[in-house]
Amino acid sequence: MFSLIAQVARFFRSSNDSNPASHAAMLMESADVRAGLDAHHAQELRAAASAWLSVVR
C-alpha cells in the first residue's frame, strides 16, 4: 500500500512543472503498464484514478 501512495505522490510532484495529462490519466496508464506484471497493483492504481476523478468532480 505504501508503494501506491508513493507512486501517487510522485505523479503530483512531477506534474507541477508541466501538466500534459490529468493525474487520473497518468494513473490509468501506469495501471495498464503494471497489469501484466502485478494485477493487484494495477487494480489499486485504477482505484486511485477513480478516487481522483470523484474528488475533482
C-alpha atoms as a PDB file:
ATOM      1  CA  MET A   1       0.000   0.000   0.000  1.00  0.00           C
ATOM      2  CA  PHE A   2       2.904   2.355   0.742  1.00  0.00           C
ATOM      3  CA  SER A   3       4.227   1.916  -2.780  1.00  0.00           C
ATOM      4  CA  LEU A   4       0.867   3.022  -4.193  1.00  0.00           C
ATOM      5  CA  ILE A   5       0.887   6.171  -2.069  1.00  0.00           C
ATOM      6  CA  ALA A   6       4.488   6.881  -3.043  1.00  0.00           C
ATOM      7  CA  GLN A   7       3.674   6.470  -6.722  1.00  0.00           C
ATOM      8  CA  VAL A   8       0.680   8.816  -6.471  1.00  0.00           C
ATOM      9  CA  ALA A   9       2.864  11.370  -4.684  1.00  0.00           C
ATOM     10  CA  ARG A  10       5.439  11.135  -7.489  1.00  0.00           C
ATOM     11  CA  PHE A  11       2.729  11.878 -10.032  1.00  0.00           C
ATOM     12  CA  PHE A  12       1.745  15.014  -8.165  1.00  0.00           C
ATOM     13  CA  ARG A  13       5.330  16.243  -7.840  1.00  0.00           C
ATOM     14  CA  SER A  14       6.271  15.539 -11.442  1.00  0.00           C
ATOM     15  CA  SER A  15       3.236  17.285 -12.896  1.00  0.00           C
ATOM     16  CA  ASN A  16       3.746  20.582 -11.082  1.00  0.00           C
ATOM     17  CA  ASP A  17       6.126  21.861 -13.778  1.00  0.00           C
ATOM     18  CA  SER A  18       4.162  20.696 -16.780  1.00  0.00           C
ATOM     19  CA  ASN A  19       0.614  19.460 -16.953  1.00  0.00           C
ATOM     20  CA  PRO A  20       0.380  17.424 -20.177  1.00  0.00           C
ATOM     21  CA  ALA A  21      -2.213  14.947 -18.868  1.00  0.00           C
ATOM     22  CA  SER A  22      -4.523  14.613 -15.928  1.00  0.00           C
ATOM     23  CA  HIS A  23      -3.463  12.736 -12.833  1.00  0.00           C
ATOM     24  CA  ALA A  24      -6.167  10.144 -13.443  1.00  0.00           C
ATOM     25  CA  ALA A  25      -4.870   9.532 -16.972  1.00  0.00           C
ATOM     26  CA  MET A  26      -1.330   9.044 -15.689  1.00  0.00           C
ATOM     27  CA  LEU A  27      -2.561   6.606 -13.030  1.00  0.00           C
ATOM     28  CA  MET A  28      -4.537   4.652 -15.625  1.00  0.00           C
ATOM     29  CA  GLU A  29      -1.504   4.489 -17.927  1.00  0.00           C
ATOM     30  CA  SER A  30       0.585   3.165 -15.058  1.00  0.00           C
ATOM     31  CA  ALA A  31      -2.121   0.615 -14.310  1.00  0.00           C
ATOM     32  CA  ASP A  32      -2.034  -0.564 -17.919  1.00  0.00           C
ATOM     33  CA  VAL A  33       1.742  -0.993 -17.702  1.00  0.00           C
ATOM     34  CA  ARG A  34       1.512  -2.866 -14.390  1.00  0.00           C
ATOM     35  CA  ALA A  35      -1.396  -5.104 -15.460  1.00  0.00           C
ATOM     36  CA  GLY A  36       0.864  -7.783 -16.921  1.00  0.00           C
ATOM     37  CA  LEU A  37       3.286  -7.712 -14.005  1.00  0.00           C
ATOM     38  CA  ASP A  38       1.108  -7.253 -10.930  1.00  0.00           C
ATOM     39  CA  ALA A  39      -2.658  -7.328 -11.392  1.00  0.00           C
ATOM     40  CA  HIS A  40      -3.332  -6.337  -7.771  1.00  0.00           C
ATOM     41  CA  HIS A  41      -1.158  -3.223  -8.025  1.00  0.00           C
ATOM     42  CA  ALA A  42      -2.794  -2.332 -11.340  1.00  0.00           C
ATOM     43  CA  GLN A  43      -6.205  -2.542  -9.680  1.00  0.00           C
ATOM     44  CA  GLU A  44      -5.007  -0.279  -6.854  1.00  0.00           C
ATOM     45  CA  LEU A  45      -3.841   2.283  -9.420  1.00  0.00           C
ATOM     46  CA  ARG A  46      -7.206   2.142 -11.172  1.00  0.00           C
ATOM     47  CA  ALA A  47      -8.961   2.664  -7.836  1.00  0.00           C
ATOM     48  CA  ALA A  48      -6.707   5.659  -7.144  1.00  0.00           C
ATOM     49  CA  ALA A  49      -7.581   7.122 -10.555  1.00  0.00           C
ATOM     50  CA  SER A  50     -11.257   6.646  -9.850  1.00  0.00           C
ATOM     51  CA  ALA A  51     -10.894   8.282  -6.439  1.00  0.00           C
ATOM     52  CA  TRP A  52      -9.051  11.213  -8.032  1.00  0.00           C
ATOM     53  CA  LEU A  53     -11.864  11.712 -10.524  1.00  0.00           C
ATOM     54  CA  SER A  54     -14.511  11.627  -7.796  1.00  0.00           C
ATOM     55  CA  VAL A  55     -12.605  14.252  -5.776  1.00  0.00           C
ATOM     56  CA  VAL A  56     -12.073  16.528  -8.770  1.00  0.00           C
ATOM     57  CA  ARG A  57     -15.739  16.426  -9.733  1.00  0.00           C
END
